[in-house]
């Protein structure tokens, strides 16, 4: 049995030299996770409904010529007048192999499709981690990565048109 190359994106029996675009999720994993319950055990006696704050960010790192790591970072916290209920920081990552993808389509895939594929798994990690901290699970609403990406592209184009720092679309590191 021949050893398989994890970056070989061609399905069994397919020609690896084909010019057709190929995309594969090679791995996904929790890169970093921190859950804090700083006010325990008093927090479990509080009756006040906390204010939730959820933020997210996407980072893309090029690992090799056709391999990128996409990191979906989610920060969530719950606070009330009585104090901090919980704080969660999650970096959930995926490694994606991309072959024959046109350069102009690369940012859209890495900043829209890849996070869309990772989000359900990151959402589950958030929900179970908050539940493990003693609170009801935090079920995050779906995120429309496409509209966020398009608004960033539009904002960058407006900046370029007004003479501010010209940039065609969101950057990938």
C-alpha atoms as a PDB file:
ATOM      1  CA  UNK A   1       0.000   0.000   0.000  1.00  0.00           C
ATOM      2  CA  UNK A   2       1.449   3.342  -1.044  1.00  0.00           C
ATOM      3  CA  UNK A   3       1.656   6.168   1.468  1.00  0.00           C
ATOM      4  CA  UNK A   4      -0.829   8.912   0.679  1.00  0.00           C
ATOM      5  CA  UNK A   5       0.106  12.578   0.575  1.00  0.00           C
ATOM      6  CA  UNK A   6      -2.369  14.563   2.748  1.00  0.00           C
ATOM      7  CA  UNK A   7      -2.030  17.517   0.384  1.00  0.00           C
ATOM      8  CA  UNK A   8      -2.990  15.379  -2.644  1.00  0.00           C
ATOM      9  CA  UNK A   9      -6.374  16.861  -3.438  1.00  0.00           C
ATOM     10  CA  UNK A  10      -7.298  14.529  -6.278  1.00  0.00           C
ATOM     11  CA  UNK A  11      -9.978  11.952  -5.498  1.00  0.00           C
ATOM     12  CA  UNK A  12      -9.087   8.295  -5.964  1.00  0.00           C
ATOM     13  CA  UNK A  13      -8.512   7.588  -9.629  1.00  0.00           C
ATOM     14  CA  UNK A  14      -8.590  11.264 -10.646  1.00  0.00           C
ATOM     15  CA  UNK A  15      -5.812  12.950 -12.544  1.00  0.00           C
ATOM     16  CA  UNK A  16      -3.902  15.147 -10.054  1.00  0.00           C
ATOM     17  CA  UNK A  17      -2.625  17.324 -12.913  1.00  0.00           C
ATOM     18  CA  UNK A  18      -6.163  18.339 -13.922  1.00  0.00           C
ATOM     19  CA  UNK A  19      -6.742  22.065 -14.332  1.00  0.00           C
ATOM     20  CA  UNK A  20     -10.076  21.952 -12.524  1.00  0.00           C
ATOM     21  CA  UNK A  21     -10.175  23.836  -9.215  1.00  0.00           C
ATOM     22  CA  UNK A  22      -9.890  21.507  -6.236  1.00  0.00           C
ATOM     23  CA  UNK A  23     -10.566  22.271  -2.597  1.00  0.00           C
ATOM     24  CA  UNK A  24     -10.173  19.969   0.391  1.00  0.00           C
ATOM     25  CA  UNK A  25     -10.503  20.401   4.132  1.00  0.00           C
ATOM     26  CA  UNK A  26      -7.385  18.592   5.328  1.00  0.00           C
ATOM     27  CA  UNK A  27      -7.861  19.056   9.083  1.00  0.00           C
ATOM     28  CA  UNK A  28      -9.769  21.048  11.668  1.00  0.00           C
ATOM     29  CA  UNK A  29      -8.938  21.546  15.323  1.00  0.00           C
ATOM     30  CA  UNK A  30      -9.163  23.672  18.432  1.00  0.00           C
ATOM     31  CA  UNK A  31      -6.053  25.825  18.246  1.00  0.00           C
ATOM     32  CA  UNK A  32      -6.667  27.667  21.514  1.00  0.00           C
ATOM     33  CA  UNK A  33      -9.461  27.585  24.074  1.00  0.00           C
ATOM     34  CA  UNK A  34      -9.852  29.492  27.319  1.00  0.00           C
ATOM     35  CA  UNK A  35     -12.966  29.490  29.477  1.00  0.00           C
ATOM     36  CA  UNK A  36     -13.073  31.492  32.675  1.00  0.00           C
ATOM     37  CA  UNK A  37     -15.688  31.558  35.390  1.00  0.00           C
ATOM     38  CA  UNK A  38     -14.065  34.244  37.577  1.00  0.00           C
ATOM     39  CA  UNK A  39     -17.021  34.912  39.875  1.00  0.00           C
ATOM     40  CA  UNK A  40     -17.735  31.306  40.850  1.00  0.00           C
ATOM     41  CA  UNK A  41     -19.365  30.232  43.077  1.00  0.00           C
ATOM     42  CA  UNK A  42     -21.210  33.534  43.750  1.00  0.00           C
ATOM     43  CA  UNK A  43     -22.274  33.892  40.104  1.00  0.00           C
ATOM     44  CA  UNK A  44     -24.646  30.944  40.481  1.00  0.00           C
ATOM     45  CA  UNK A  45     -26.633  32.903  43.108  1.00  0.00           C
ATOM     46  CA  UNK A  46     -27.092  35.989  40.916  1.00  0.00           C
ATOM     47  CA  UNK A  47     -30.567  36.524  39.458  1.00  0.00           C
ATOM     48  CA  UNK A  48     -29.695  39.329  37.054  1.00  0.00           C
ATOM     49  CA  UNK A  49     -29.672  38.499  33.341  1.00  0.00           C
ATOM     50  CA  UNK A  50     -26.159  39.186  31.988  1.00  0.00           C
ATOM     51  CA  UNK A  51     -25.314  41.167  28.864  1.00  0.00           C
ATOM     52  CA  UNK A  52     -23.694  38.965  26.244  1.00  0.00           C
ATOM     53  CA  UNK A  53     -20.906  40.248  24.036  1.00  0.00           C
ATOM     54  CA  UNK A  54     -19.761  38.056  21.143  1.00  0.00           C
ATOM     55  CA  UNK A  55     -17.001  39.076  18.733  1.00  0.00           C
ATOM     56  CA  UNK A  56     -15.316  37.132  15.980  1.00  0.00           C
ATOM     57  CA  UNK A  57     -12.360  37.501  13.661  1.00  0.00           C
ATOM     58  CA  UNK A  58     -10.865  35.470  10.829  1.00  0.00           C
ATOM     59  CA  UNK A  59      -7.144  35.006  10.241  1.00  0.00           C
ATOM     60  CA  UNK A  60      -5.584  33.242   7.269  1.00  0.00           C
ATOM     61  CA  UNK A  61      -2.034  31.915   7.248  1.00  0.00           C
ATOM     62  CA  UNK A  62      -0.349  30.427   4.202  1.00  0.00           C
ATOM     63  CA  UNK A  63       1.304  27.141   5.209  1.00  0.00           C
ATOM     64  CA  UNK A  64       2.550  26.036   1.783  1.00  0.00           C
ATOM     65  CA  UNK A  65       1.916  26.891  -1.860  1.00  0.00           C
ATOM     66  CA  UNK A  66      -1.500  25.261  -1.957  1.00  0.00           C
ATOM     67  CA  UNK A  67      -2.267  24.948   1.743  1.00  0.00           C
ATOM     68  CA  UNK A  68      -3.774  27.598   4.043  1.00  0.00           C
ATOM     69  CA  UNK A  69      -4.775  27.644   7.686  1.00  0.00           C
ATOM     70  CA  UNK A  70      -7.998  29.542   8.439  1.00  0.00           C
ATOM     71  CA  UNK A  71      -8.559  30.481  12.085  1.00  0.00           C
ATOM     72  CA  UNK A  72     -11.995  31.499  13.297  1.00  0.00           C
ATOM     73  CA  UNK A  73     -11.544  33.392  16.582  1.00  0.00           C
ATOM     74  CA  UNK A  74     -14.591  33.778  18.795  1.00  0.00           C
ATOM     75  CA  UNK A  75     -14.591  35.863  21.979  1.00  0.00           C
ATOM     76  CA  UNK A  76     -17.699  35.710  24.158  1.00  0.00           C
ATOM     77  CA  UNK A  77     -18.399  37.163  27.565  1.00  0.00           C
ATOM     78  CA  UNK A  78     -21.353  37.624  29.887  1.00  0.00           C
ATOM     79  CA  UNK A  79     -21.376  40.485  32.382  1.00  0.00           C
ATOM     80  CA  UNK A  80     -23.891  42.077  34.703  1.00  0.00           C
ATOM     81  CA  UNK A  81     -23.790  44.829  37.288  1.00  0.00           C
ATOM     82  CA  UNK A  82     -22.770  42.177  39.820  1.00  0.00           C
ATOM     83  CA  UNK A  83     -19.698  41.140  37.840  1.00  0.00           C
ATOM     84  CA  UNK A  84     -18.339  38.847  35.154  1.00  0.00           C
ATOM     85  CA  UNK A  85     -20.303  35.657  34.626  1.00  0.00           C
ATOM     86  CA  UNK A  86     -17.969  34.025  32.086  1.00  0.00           C
ATOM     87  CA  UNK A  87     -15.336  34.776  29.458  1.00  0.00           C
ATOM     88  CA  UNK A  88     -14.568  32.463  26.536  1.00  0.00           C
ATOM     89  CA  UNK A  89     -11.804  32.784  23.929  1.00  0.00           C
ATOM     90  CA  UNK A  90     -11.763  30.193  21.140  1.00  0.00           C
ATOM     91  CA  UNK A  91      -9.517  29.884  18.116  1.00  0.00           C
ATOM     92  CA  UNK A  92     -10.891  27.119  15.913  1.00  0.00           C
ATOM     93  CA  UNK A  93      -8.808  26.361  12.840  1.00  0.00           C
ATOM     94  CA  UNK A  94      -8.925  24.387   9.655  1.00  0.00           C
ATOM     95  CA  UNK A  95      -6.282  23.528   7.103  1.00  0.00           C
ATOM     96  CA  UNK A  96      -7.489  23.783   3.528  1.00  0.00           C
ATOM     97  CA  UNK A  97      -5.784  22.533   0.396  1.00  0.00           C
ATOM     98  CA  UNK A  98      -6.529  24.638  -2.674  1.00  0.00           C
ATOM     99  CA  UNK A  99      -5.358  23.662  -6.141  1.00  0.00           C
ATOM    100  CA  UNK A 100      -5.991  25.497  -9.410  1.00  0.00           C
ATOM    101  CA  UNK A 101      -8.177  28.085  -7.685  1.00  0.00           C
ATOM    102  CA  UNK A 102      -7.955  31.413  -9.559  1.00  0.00           C
ATOM    103  CA  UNK A 103      -6.048  34.006  -7.519  1.00  0.00           C
ATOM    104  CA  UNK A 104      -9.022  36.414  -7.534  1.00  0.00           C
ATOM    105  CA  UNK A 105     -11.239  33.718  -5.932  1.00  0.00           C
ATOM    106  CA  UNK A 106      -8.776  32.853  -3.171  1.00  0.00           C
ATOM    107  CA  UNK A 107      -9.818  35.609  -0.693  1.00  0.00           C
ATOM    108  CA  UNK A 108     -13.510  34.813  -1.121  1.00  0.00           C
ATOM    109  CA  UNK A 109     -12.950  31.138  -0.380  1.00  0.00           C
ATOM    110  CA  UNK A 110     -10.610  31.706   2.573  1.00  0.00           C
ATOM    111  CA  UNK A 111     -12.690  34.483   4.172  1.00  0.00           C
ATOM    112  CA  UNK A 112     -16.209  33.218   3.374  1.00  0.00           C
ATOM    113  CA  UNK A 113     -16.442  29.528   2.530  1.00  0.00           C
ATOM    114  CA  UNK A 114     -13.744  28.190   4.856  1.00  0.00           C
ATOM    115  CA  UNK A 115     -15.153  29.999   7.947  1.00  0.00           C
ATOM    116  CA  UNK A 116     -18.658  28.899   6.923  1.00  0.00           C
ATOM    117  CA  UNK A 117     -17.439  25.289   6.973  1.00  0.00           C
ATOM    118  CA  UNK A 118     -15.697  25.726  10.351  1.00  0.00           C
ATOM    119  CA  UNK A 119     -18.460  27.652  12.129  1.00  0.00           C
ATOM    120  CA  UNK A 120     -20.807  24.762  13.072  1.00  0.00           C
ATOM    121  CA  UNK A 121     -17.943  22.944  14.796  1.00  0.00           C
ATOM    122  CA  UNK A 122     -16.732  26.098  16.569  1.00  0.00           C
ATOM    123  CA  UNK A 123     -20.323  26.805  17.623  1.00  0.00           C
ATOM    124  CA  UNK A 124     -20.515  23.371  19.251  1.00  0.00           C
ATOM    125  CA  UNK A 125     -17.230  23.927  21.109  1.00  0.00           C
ATOM    126  CA  UNK A 126     -18.552  27.259  22.432  1.00  0.00           C
ATOM    127  CA  UNK A 127     -21.871  25.751  23.531  1.00  0.00           C
ATOM    128  CA  UNK A 128     -20.355  22.771  25.319  1.00  0.00           C
ATOM    129  CA  UNK A 129     -17.554  24.812  26.924  1.00  0.00           C
ATOM    130  CA  UNK A 130     -19.987  27.327  28.403  1.00  0.00           C
ATOM    131  CA  UNK A 131     -22.202  24.483  29.587  1.00  0.00           C
ATOM    132  CA  UNK A 132     -19.181  22.774  31.177  1.00  0.00           C
ATOM    133  CA  UNK A 133     -18.524  26.037  33.050  1.00  0.00           C
ATOM    134  CA  UNK A 134     -21.934  25.657  34.709  1.00  0.00           C
ATOM    135  CA  UNK A 135     -24.077  27.902  32.507  1.00  0.00           C
ATOM    136  CA  UNK A 136     -26.744  27.152  29.919  1.00  0.00           C
ATOM    137  CA  UNK A 137     -25.097  26.431  26.542  1.00  0.00           C
ATOM    138  CA  UNK A 138     -24.431  29.532  24.449  1.00  0.00           C
ATOM    139  CA  UNK A 139     -25.898  28.801  21.022  1.00  0.00           C
ATOM    140  CA  UNK A 140     -24.401  31.332  18.638  1.00  0.00           C
ATOM    141  CA  UNK A 141     -26.536  32.593  15.777  1.00  0.00           C
ATOM    142  CA  UNK A 142     -25.252  31.748  12.291  1.00  0.00           C
ATOM    143  CA  UNK A 143     -22.865  34.309  10.814  1.00  0.00           C
ATOM    144  CA  UNK A 144     -23.305  35.569   7.239  1.00  0.00           C
ATOM    145  CA  UNK A 145     -19.625  35.569   6.255  1.00  0.00           C
ATOM    146  CA  UNK A 146     -20.477  36.472   2.638  1.00  0.00           C
ATOM    147  CA  UNK A 147     -22.234  39.742   3.494  1.00  0.00           C
ATOM    148  CA  UNK A 148     -19.474  40.711   5.930  1.00  0.00           C
ATOM    149  CA  UNK A 149     -16.846  40.004   3.272  1.00  0.00           C
ATOM    150  CA  UNK A 150     -18.764  42.001   0.654  1.00  0.00           C
ATOM    151  CA  UNK A 151     -19.152  44.977   3.022  1.00  0.00           C
ATOM    152  CA  UNK A 152     -15.388  44.898   3.670  1.00  0.00           C
ATOM    153  CA  UNK A 153     -14.699  44.794  -0.082  1.00  0.00           C
ATOM    154  CA  UNK A 154     -17.091  47.719  -0.645  1.00  0.00           C
ATOM    155  CA  UNK A 155     -15.490  49.723   2.171  1.00  0.00           C
ATOM    156  CA  UNK A 156     -12.015  49.061   0.763  1.00  0.00           C
ATOM    157  CA  UNK A 157     -13.131  50.158  -2.704  1.00  0.00           C
ATOM    158  CA  UNK A 158     -14.662  53.345  -1.275  1.00  0.00           C
ATOM    159  CA  UNK A 159     -11.403  54.089   0.545  1.00  0.00           C
ATOM    160  CA  UNK A 160      -9.503  53.587  -2.707  1.00  0.00           C
ATOM    161  CA  UNK A 161     -11.920  55.897  -4.565  1.00  0.00           C
ATOM    162  CA  UNK A 162     -11.519  58.689  -1.983  1.00  0.00           C
ATOM    163  CA  UNK A 163      -7.740  58.474  -2.046  1.00  0.00           C
ATOM    164  CA  UNK A 164      -7.379  56.841   1.343  1.00  0.00           C
ATOM    165  CA  UNK A 165      -5.161  53.801   1.548  1.00  0.00           C
ATOM    166  CA  UNK A 166      -5.932  51.955  -1.718  1.00  0.00           C
ATOM    167  CA  UNK A 167      -6.799  48.328  -1.165  1.00  0.00           C
ATOM    168  CA  UNK A 168      -8.970  46.171  -3.423  1.00  0.00           C
ATOM    169  CA  UNK A 169     -10.185  43.651  -0.847  1.00  0.00           C
ATOM    170  CA  UNK A 170      -9.544  42.270   2.634  1.00  0.00           C
ATOM    171  CA  UNK A 171      -6.025  41.021   3.093  1.00  0.00           C
ATOM    172  CA  UNK A 172      -4.777  37.509   3.674  1.00  0.00           C
ATOM    173  CA  UNK A 173      -1.535  36.974   5.531  1.00  0.00           C
END
